[in-house]
Each structure stands twice: as C-alpha cells, then as structure tokens.
Amino acid sequence: MKWNIPNILTLFRIALIPVFVVAFYWPEFGWNHVVTTGIFFVAGVSDWLDGYLARKLDQQSAFGAFLDPVADKLMVATALILLVGADPGAFTAVPAAVIIGREIAISALREWMAQIGDNAKMKVSDIGKIKTMAQMLAIGFLLYGTPIGVFPTTEIGYGLLYLAAGLTLWSMVSYLRAAWSSLTREEK
C-alpha cells in the first residue's frame, strides 16, 4: 500500500466507524444526533475529497480503488443498522435491507465479473450516483432526527430513504442487465 493523502482519508473514514457507533449509543447528552450527523457528514466529505485528490494529484492506486468503496459500504451499512435498531420495524428495516442486500449482491457481481475479465460492464451509472446522494441525505436527516424549524428532517429522511431504496433496485436491475450475457453464458 502506498501512503498518500487519498488512502489516508479512506482509512480515516473506516476509523470513524467505531467513533460513530460510540457517539450514537453514548448516554443521552442532548446532542448525540448532532455529533453522529456530523461524523457521518465528515465521512461523506472525506469520501468526496479522497476521490478528488486521487485524481487531482494523480495518486490513484489499486489499494484505494479497492478500499474506497468498502469504506463507503461499511459506513452506510453501519448507519442503517443503527437506525433500524433505534426505530425497529418493517418501515425502517425494509429499505435498509434492500440497500444493504443490493450492496452485497452488486459487490459479489463486480468481483465475479472482474474474475472473468468482463468488469467493463460494471461502471457506475448516473442512477447509482443519484441513489448515493439520496441515500446519504436520507441517512443524514434520519440521524439528525430533530426538526430544523419547520423542516421535518425525519419525514424527509424517510422519503429519501425510500427513494434511495427504489433507485437501489433500479440500479441493481441495470447492473444485472449489463452482466446478463456473462451470467447466462454456457460453460465449455
């Protein structure tokens, strides 16, 4: 592994996960929601920044290409699990399960496609980018969970979470369609 700023930012994002969990469960001190939302926000900004710096400074690496999406998925899955634990029930669990399940399925599909040398079909689409934005905003609003004036963060958060779950399914179908010929190819 090459130690460069983008890779350090990715490792920093992974190191934030236990801090995020502790802040979420810390005995109530009145502003846990602000701290956990802030940590999630910092993780999101560091995700954007490490990609930007990797391209700008020409510091892209195999390690970064591998670890960056893993760090993202770990933070998102952790946040969704915490949110389901805080608000157990199908209303929260279903979109969380859809999002986490899709991430596992598409990660496995990408790995398999890379093994057979057909990973060019697995490029991130615009739908995936919109899904990610909706997902991050949803999680941020749900973590905050307290109205900001008349702005209903929780209701907007759930709306965006369901939008993200729908886009998640759409992007999964797009990936599966792109990979379908490879998946159904007869072995010799």
C-alpha atoms as a PDB file:
ATOM      1  CA  MET A   1       0.000   0.000   0.000  1.00  0.00           C
ATOM      2  CA  LYS A   2       1.198   3.451  -0.878  1.00  0.00           C
ATOM      3  CA  TRP A   3       0.717   6.062   1.843  1.00  0.00           C
ATOM      4  CA  ASN A   4      -0.828   9.056   0.177  1.00  0.00           C
ATOM      5  CA  ILE A   5      -3.481  11.572   1.188  1.00  0.00           C
ATOM      6  CA  PRO A   6      -6.412   9.825  -0.581  1.00  0.00           C
ATOM      7  CA  ASN A   7      -5.591   6.459   1.026  1.00  0.00           C
ATOM      8  CA  ILE A   8      -5.129   8.073   4.444  1.00  0.00           C
ATOM      9  CA  LEU A   9      -8.549   9.738   4.075  1.00  0.00           C
ATOM     10  CA  THR A  10     -10.106   6.372   3.206  1.00  0.00           C
ATOM     11  CA  LEU A  11      -8.514   4.755   6.267  1.00  0.00           C
ATOM     12  CA  PHE A  12      -9.667   7.730   8.355  1.00  0.00           C
ATOM     13  CA  ARG A  13     -13.234   7.074   7.177  1.00  0.00           C
ATOM     14  CA  ILE A  14     -13.007   3.468   8.331  1.00  0.00           C
ATOM     15  CA  ALA A  15     -11.533   4.583  11.673  1.00  0.00           C
ATOM     16  CA  LEU A  16     -14.534   6.906  12.127  1.00  0.00           C
ATOM     17  CA  ILE A  17     -16.960   3.958  12.195  1.00  0.00           C
ATOM     18  CA  PRO A  18     -16.357   2.875  15.832  1.00  0.00           C
ATOM     19  CA  VAL A  19     -16.384   6.542  16.894  1.00  0.00           C
ATOM     20  CA  PHE A  20     -19.699   6.920  15.063  1.00  0.00           C
ATOM     21  CA  VAL A  21     -21.183   3.889  16.858  1.00  0.00           C
ATOM     22  CA  VAL A  22     -19.976   5.054  20.287  1.00  0.00           C
ATOM     23  CA  ALA A  23     -21.386   8.548  19.672  1.00  0.00           C
ATOM     24  CA  PHE A  24     -24.711   7.034  18.599  1.00  0.00           C
ATOM     25  CA  TYR A  25     -25.026   4.969  21.781  1.00  0.00           C
ATOM     26  CA  TRP A  26     -23.320   7.333  24.192  1.00  0.00           C
ATOM     27  CA  PRO A  27     -25.576   8.033  27.181  1.00  0.00           C
ATOM     28  CA  GLU A  28     -28.008  10.729  26.122  1.00  0.00           C
ATOM     29  CA  PHE A  29     -26.426  14.140  26.475  1.00  0.00           C
ATOM     30  CA  GLY A  30     -28.884  16.061  24.355  1.00  0.00           C
ATOM     31  CA  TRP A  31     -26.893  16.453  21.185  1.00  0.00           C
ATOM     32  CA  ASN A  32     -25.925  12.921  20.189  1.00  0.00           C
ATOM     33  CA  HIS A  33     -27.885  13.469  16.980  1.00  0.00           C
ATOM     34  CA  VAL A  34     -25.693  16.451  16.095  1.00  0.00           C
ATOM     35  CA  VAL A  35     -22.464  14.543  16.773  1.00  0.00           C
ATOM     36  CA  THR A  36     -23.498  11.419  14.837  1.00  0.00           C
ATOM     37  CA  THR A  37     -24.776  13.504  11.920  1.00  0.00           C
ATOM     38  CA  GLY A  38     -21.529  15.473  11.979  1.00  0.00           C
ATOM     39  CA  ILE A  39     -19.416  12.308  11.917  1.00  0.00           C
ATOM     40  CA  PHE A  40     -21.485  10.949   9.028  1.00  0.00           C
ATOM     41  CA  PHE A  41     -21.111  14.271   7.208  1.00  0.00           C
ATOM     42  CA  VAL A  42     -17.322  14.283   7.750  1.00  0.00           C
ATOM     43  CA  ALA A  43     -17.166  10.729   6.376  1.00  0.00           C
ATOM     44  CA  GLY A  44     -19.144  11.806   3.303  1.00  0.00           C
ATOM     45  CA  VAL A  45     -16.929  14.831   2.680  1.00  0.00           C
ATOM     46  CA  SER A  46     -13.776  12.732   3.127  1.00  0.00           C
ATOM     47  CA  ASP A  47     -15.171  10.264   0.576  1.00  0.00           C
ATOM     48  CA  TRP A  48     -15.602  13.027  -1.987  1.00  0.00           C
ATOM     49  CA  LEU A  49     -12.240  14.578  -1.060  1.00  0.00           C
ATOM     50  CA  ASP A  50     -10.207  11.376  -1.340  1.00  0.00           C
ATOM     51  CA  GLY A  51     -11.565  10.742  -4.844  1.00  0.00           C
ATOM     52  CA  TYR A  52     -10.984  14.335  -5.890  1.00  0.00           C
ATOM     53  CA  LEU A  53      -7.412  14.365  -4.532  1.00  0.00           C
ATOM     54  CA  ALA A  54      -6.593  10.965  -6.035  1.00  0.00           C
ATOM     55  CA  ARG A  55      -7.486  12.318  -9.481  1.00  0.00           C
ATOM     56  CA  LYS A  56      -6.083  15.836  -8.985  1.00  0.00           C
ATOM     57  CA  LEU A  57      -2.755  14.684  -7.501  1.00  0.00           C
ATOM     58  CA  ASP A  58      -2.572  11.618  -9.760  1.00  0.00           C
ATOM     59  CA  GLN A  59      -2.447   9.398  -6.679  1.00  0.00           C
ATOM     60  CA  GLN A  60      -4.887   6.722  -7.749  1.00  0.00           C
ATOM     61  CA  SER A  61      -3.876   3.288  -6.524  1.00  0.00           C
ATOM     62  CA  ALA A  62      -5.129  -0.285  -6.572  1.00  0.00           C
ATOM     63  CA  PHE A  63      -5.386  -0.153  -2.771  1.00  0.00           C
ATOM     64  CA  GLY A  64      -7.528   2.992  -2.916  1.00  0.00           C
ATOM     65  CA  ALA A  65      -9.701   1.601  -5.709  1.00  0.00           C
ATOM     66  CA  PHE A  66     -10.345  -1.464  -3.545  1.00  0.00           C
ATOM     67  CA  LEU A  67     -10.744   0.175  -0.140  1.00  0.00           C
ATOM     68  CA  ASP A  68     -12.720   3.324  -1.033  1.00  0.00           C
ATOM     69  CA  PRO A  69     -15.991   1.549  -1.906  1.00  0.00           C
ATOM     70  CA  VAL A  70     -15.515  -0.814   1.049  1.00  0.00           C
ATOM     71  CA  ALA A  71     -15.223   2.159   3.421  1.00  0.00           C
ATOM     72  CA  ASP A  72     -18.384   3.687   1.952  1.00  0.00           C
ATOM     73  CA  LYS A  73     -20.372   0.479   2.272  1.00  0.00           C
ATOM     74  CA  LEU A  74     -19.170  -0.097   5.848  1.00  0.00           C
ATOM     75  CA  MET A  75     -20.233   3.386   6.949  1.00  0.00           C
ATOM     76  CA  VAL A  76     -23.618   3.225   5.193  1.00  0.00           C
ATOM     77  CA  ALA A  77     -24.387  -0.294   6.453  1.00  0.00           C
ATOM     78  CA  THR A  78     -23.392   0.688  10.000  1.00  0.00           C
ATOM     79  CA  ALA A  79     -25.601   3.780   9.888  1.00  0.00           C
ATOM     80  CA  LEU A  80     -28.568   1.817   8.528  1.00  0.00           C
ATOM     81  CA  ILE A  81     -28.187  -0.889  11.177  1.00  0.00           C
ATOM     82  CA  LEU A  82     -28.060   1.757  13.917  1.00  0.00           C
ATOM     83  CA  LEU A  83     -31.164   3.469  12.503  1.00  0.00           C
ATOM     84  CA  VAL A  84     -33.072   0.169  12.365  1.00  0.00           C
ATOM     85  CA  GLY A  85     -32.012  -0.536  15.963  1.00  0.00           C
ATOM     86  CA  ALA A  86     -33.271   2.878  17.036  1.00  0.00           C
ATOM     87  CA  ASP A  87     -36.573   2.501  15.145  1.00  0.00           C
ATOM     88  CA  PRO A  88     -37.210  -1.232  14.815  1.00  0.00           C
ATOM     89  CA  GLY A  89     -39.961  -2.286  12.492  1.00  0.00           C
ATOM     90  CA  ALA A  90     -40.613  -3.000   8.860  1.00  0.00           C
ATOM     91  CA  PHE A  91     -40.878   0.678   7.898  1.00  0.00           C
ATOM     92  CA  THR A  92     -37.172   1.195   8.585  1.00  0.00           C
ATOM     93  CA  ALA A  93     -35.908  -2.362   8.140  1.00  0.00           C
ATOM     94  CA  VAL A  94     -37.246  -2.959   4.614  1.00  0.00           C
ATOM     95  CA  PRO A  95     -35.409  -0.111   2.843  1.00  0.00           C
ATOM     96  CA  ALA A  96     -32.293  -0.800   4.958  1.00  0.00           C
ATOM     97  CA  ALA A  97     -32.360  -4.482   3.950  1.00  0.00           C
ATOM     98  CA  VAL A  98     -32.881  -3.562   0.286  1.00  0.00           C
ATOM     99  CA  ILE A  99     -29.932  -1.146   0.325  1.00  0.00           C
ATOM    100  CA  ILE A 100     -27.562  -3.453   2.235  1.00  0.00           C
ATOM    101  CA  GLY A 101     -28.649  -6.531   0.257  1.00  0.00           C
ATOM    102  CA  ARG A 102     -28.087  -4.753  -3.052  1.00  0.00           C
ATOM    103  CA  GLU A 103     -24.621  -3.641  -1.978  1.00  0.00           C
ATOM    104  CA  ILE A 104     -23.669  -7.225  -1.123  1.00  0.00           C
ATOM    105  CA  ALA A 105     -25.146  -8.606  -4.364  1.00  0.00           C
ATOM    106  CA  ILE A 106     -23.538  -5.996  -6.623  1.00  0.00           C
ATOM    107  CA  SER A 107     -20.182  -6.295  -4.846  1.00  0.00           C
ATOM    108  CA  ALA A 108     -20.262 -10.048  -5.466  1.00  0.00           C
ATOM    109  CA  LEU A 109     -21.300  -9.483  -9.085  1.00  0.00           C
ATOM    110  CA  ARG A 110     -18.483  -6.969  -9.626  1.00  0.00           C
ATOM    111  CA  GLU A 111     -15.959  -9.387  -8.131  1.00  0.00           C
ATOM    112  CA  TRP A 112     -17.176 -12.232 -10.313  1.00  0.00           C
ATOM    113  CA  MET A 113     -17.213 -10.044 -13.433  1.00  0.00           C
ATOM    114  CA  ALA A 114     -13.632  -8.969 -12.688  1.00  0.00           C
ATOM    115  CA  GLN A 115     -12.582 -12.615 -12.318  1.00  0.00           C
ATOM    116  CA  ILE A 116     -13.911 -13.461 -15.756  1.00  0.00           C
ATOM    117  CA  GLY A 117     -12.369 -10.286 -17.225  1.00  0.00           C
ATOM    118  CA  ASP A 118     -15.691  -8.663 -18.020  1.00  0.00           C
ATOM    119  CA  ASN A 119     -15.781  -5.853 -15.449  1.00  0.00           C
ATOM    120  CA  ALA A 120     -16.067  -3.073 -18.057  1.00  0.00           C
ATOM    121  CA  LYS A 121     -19.834  -3.630 -17.951  1.00  0.00           C
ATOM    122  CA  MET A 122     -19.926  -2.735 -14.235  1.00  0.00           C
ATOM    123  CA  LYS A 123     -19.255   1.010 -14.432  1.00  0.00           C
ATOM    124  CA  VAL A 124     -21.084   3.308 -12.016  1.00  0.00           C
ATOM    125  CA  SER A 125     -24.127   4.832 -13.682  1.00  0.00           C
ATOM    126  CA  ASP A 126     -25.838   8.170 -13.190  1.00  0.00           C
ATOM    127  CA  ILE A 127     -28.667   6.334 -11.410  1.00  0.00           C
ATOM    128  CA  GLY A 128     -26.096   4.988  -8.948  1.00  0.00           C
ATOM    129  CA  LYS A 129     -24.811   8.492  -8.279  1.00  0.00           C
ATOM    130  CA  ILE A 130     -28.324   9.846  -7.677  1.00  0.00           C
ATOM    131  CA  LYS A 131     -29.054   6.819  -5.460  1.00  0.00           C
ATOM    132  CA  THR A 132     -25.950   7.517  -3.416  1.00  0.00           C
ATOM    133  CA  MET A 133     -26.859  11.182  -2.977  1.00  0.00           C
ATOM    134  CA  ALA A 134     -30.434  10.326  -1.888  1.00  0.00           C
ATOM    135  CA  GLN A 135     -29.099   7.633   0.453  1.00  0.00           C
ATOM    136  CA  MET A 136     -26.553   9.922   2.107  1.00  0.00           C
ATOM    137  CA  LEU A 137     -29.055  12.744   2.566  1.00  0.00           C
ATOM    138  CA  ALA A 138     -31.646  10.284   3.916  1.00  0.00           C
ATOM    139  CA  ILE A 139     -29.250   8.830   6.460  1.00  0.00           C
ATOM    140  CA  GLY A 140     -28.057  12.290   7.487  1.00  0.00           C
ATOM    141  CA  PHE A 141     -31.609  13.557   8.038  1.00  0.00           C
ATOM    142  CA  LEU A 142     -32.603  10.387   9.911  1.00  0.00           C
ATOM    143  CA  LEU A 143     -29.530  10.566  12.133  1.00  0.00           C
ATOM    144  CA  TYR A 144     -30.310  14.187  12.957  1.00  0.00           C
ATOM    145  CA  GLY A 145     -33.927  13.252  13.586  1.00  0.00           C
ATOM    146  CA  THR A 146     -34.991  16.587  15.054  1.00  0.00           C
ATOM    147  CA  PRO A 147     -36.957  19.144  13.043  1.00  0.00           C
ATOM    148  CA  ILE A 148     -34.968  22.195  11.980  1.00  0.00           C
ATOM    149  CA  GLY A 149     -37.542  24.929  12.413  1.00  0.00           C
ATOM    150  CA  VAL A 150     -40.422  23.781  10.251  1.00  0.00           C
ATOM    151  CA  PHE A 151     -38.214  21.450   8.185  1.00  0.00           C
ATOM    152  CA  PRO A 152     -39.307  17.876   9.044  1.00  0.00           C
ATOM    153  CA  THR A 153     -35.949  16.074   8.916  1.00  0.00           C
ATOM    154  CA  THR A 154     -37.323  12.651   9.844  1.00  0.00           C
ATOM    155  CA  GLU A 155     -40.141  12.697   7.308  1.00  0.00           C
ATOM    156  CA  ILE A 156     -37.846  13.986   4.556  1.00  0.00           C
ATOM    157  CA  GLY A 157     -35.264  11.397   5.624  1.00  0.00           C
ATOM    158  CA  TYR A 158     -37.738   8.547   5.264  1.00  0.00           C
ATOM    159  CA  GLY A 159     -38.942   9.858   1.912  1.00  0.00           C
ATOM    160  CA  LEU A 160     -35.362   9.987   0.656  1.00  0.00           C
ATOM    161  CA  LEU A 161     -34.618   6.553   2.159  1.00  0.00           C
ATOM    162  CA  TYR A 162     -37.483   5.027   0.185  1.00  0.00           C
ATOM    163  CA  LEU A 163     -36.382   6.915  -2.928  1.00  0.00           C
ATOM    164  CA  ALA A 164     -32.854   5.552  -2.393  1.00  0.00           C
ATOM    165  CA  ALA A 165     -34.232   2.011  -1.942  1.00  0.00           C
ATOM    166  CA  GLY A 166     -36.194   2.330  -5.198  1.00  0.00           C
ATOM    167  CA  LEU A 167     -33.156   3.675  -7.051  1.00  0.00           C
ATOM    168  CA  THR A 168     -31.109   0.900  -5.451  1.00  0.00           C
ATOM    169  CA  LEU A 169     -33.357  -1.715  -7.010  1.00  0.00           C
ATOM    170  CA  TRP A 170     -33.335   0.133 -10.341  1.00  0.00           C
ATOM    171  CA  SER A 171     -29.535   0.311 -10.411  1.00  0.00           C
ATOM    172  CA  MET A 172     -29.286  -3.353  -9.388  1.00  0.00           C
ATOM    173  CA  VAL A 173     -31.523  -4.332 -12.314  1.00  0.00           C
ATOM    174  CA  SER A 174     -29.352  -2.174 -14.603  1.00  0.00           C
ATOM    175  CA  TYR A 175     -26.190  -3.932 -13.409  1.00  0.00           C
ATOM    176  CA  LEU A 176     -27.798  -7.352 -13.795  1.00  0.00           C
ATOM    177  CA  ARG A 177     -28.982  -6.495 -17.312  1.00  0.00           C
ATOM    178  CA  ALA A 178     -25.470  -5.342 -18.233  1.00  0.00           C
ATOM    179  CA  ALA A 179     -23.995  -8.563 -16.863  1.00  0.00           C
ATOM    180  CA  TRP A 180     -26.775 -10.884 -18.067  1.00  0.00           C
ATOM    181  CA  SER A 181     -24.934 -12.216 -21.127  1.00  0.00           C
ATOM    182  CA  SER A 182     -21.945 -13.092 -18.949  1.00  0.00           C
ATOM    183  CA  LEU A 183     -24.168 -14.640 -16.270  1.00  0.00           C
ATOM    184  CA  THR A 184     -26.047 -16.843 -18.729  1.00  0.00           C
ATOM    185  CA  ARG A 185     -23.117 -17.787 -20.965  1.00  0.00           C
ATOM    186  CA  GLU A 186     -22.772 -21.543 -21.302  1.00  0.00           C
ATOM    187  CA  GLU A 187     -19.590 -23.000 -19.827  1.00  0.00           C
ATOM    188  CA  LYS A 188     -17.497 -25.229 -22.043  1.00  0.00           C
END
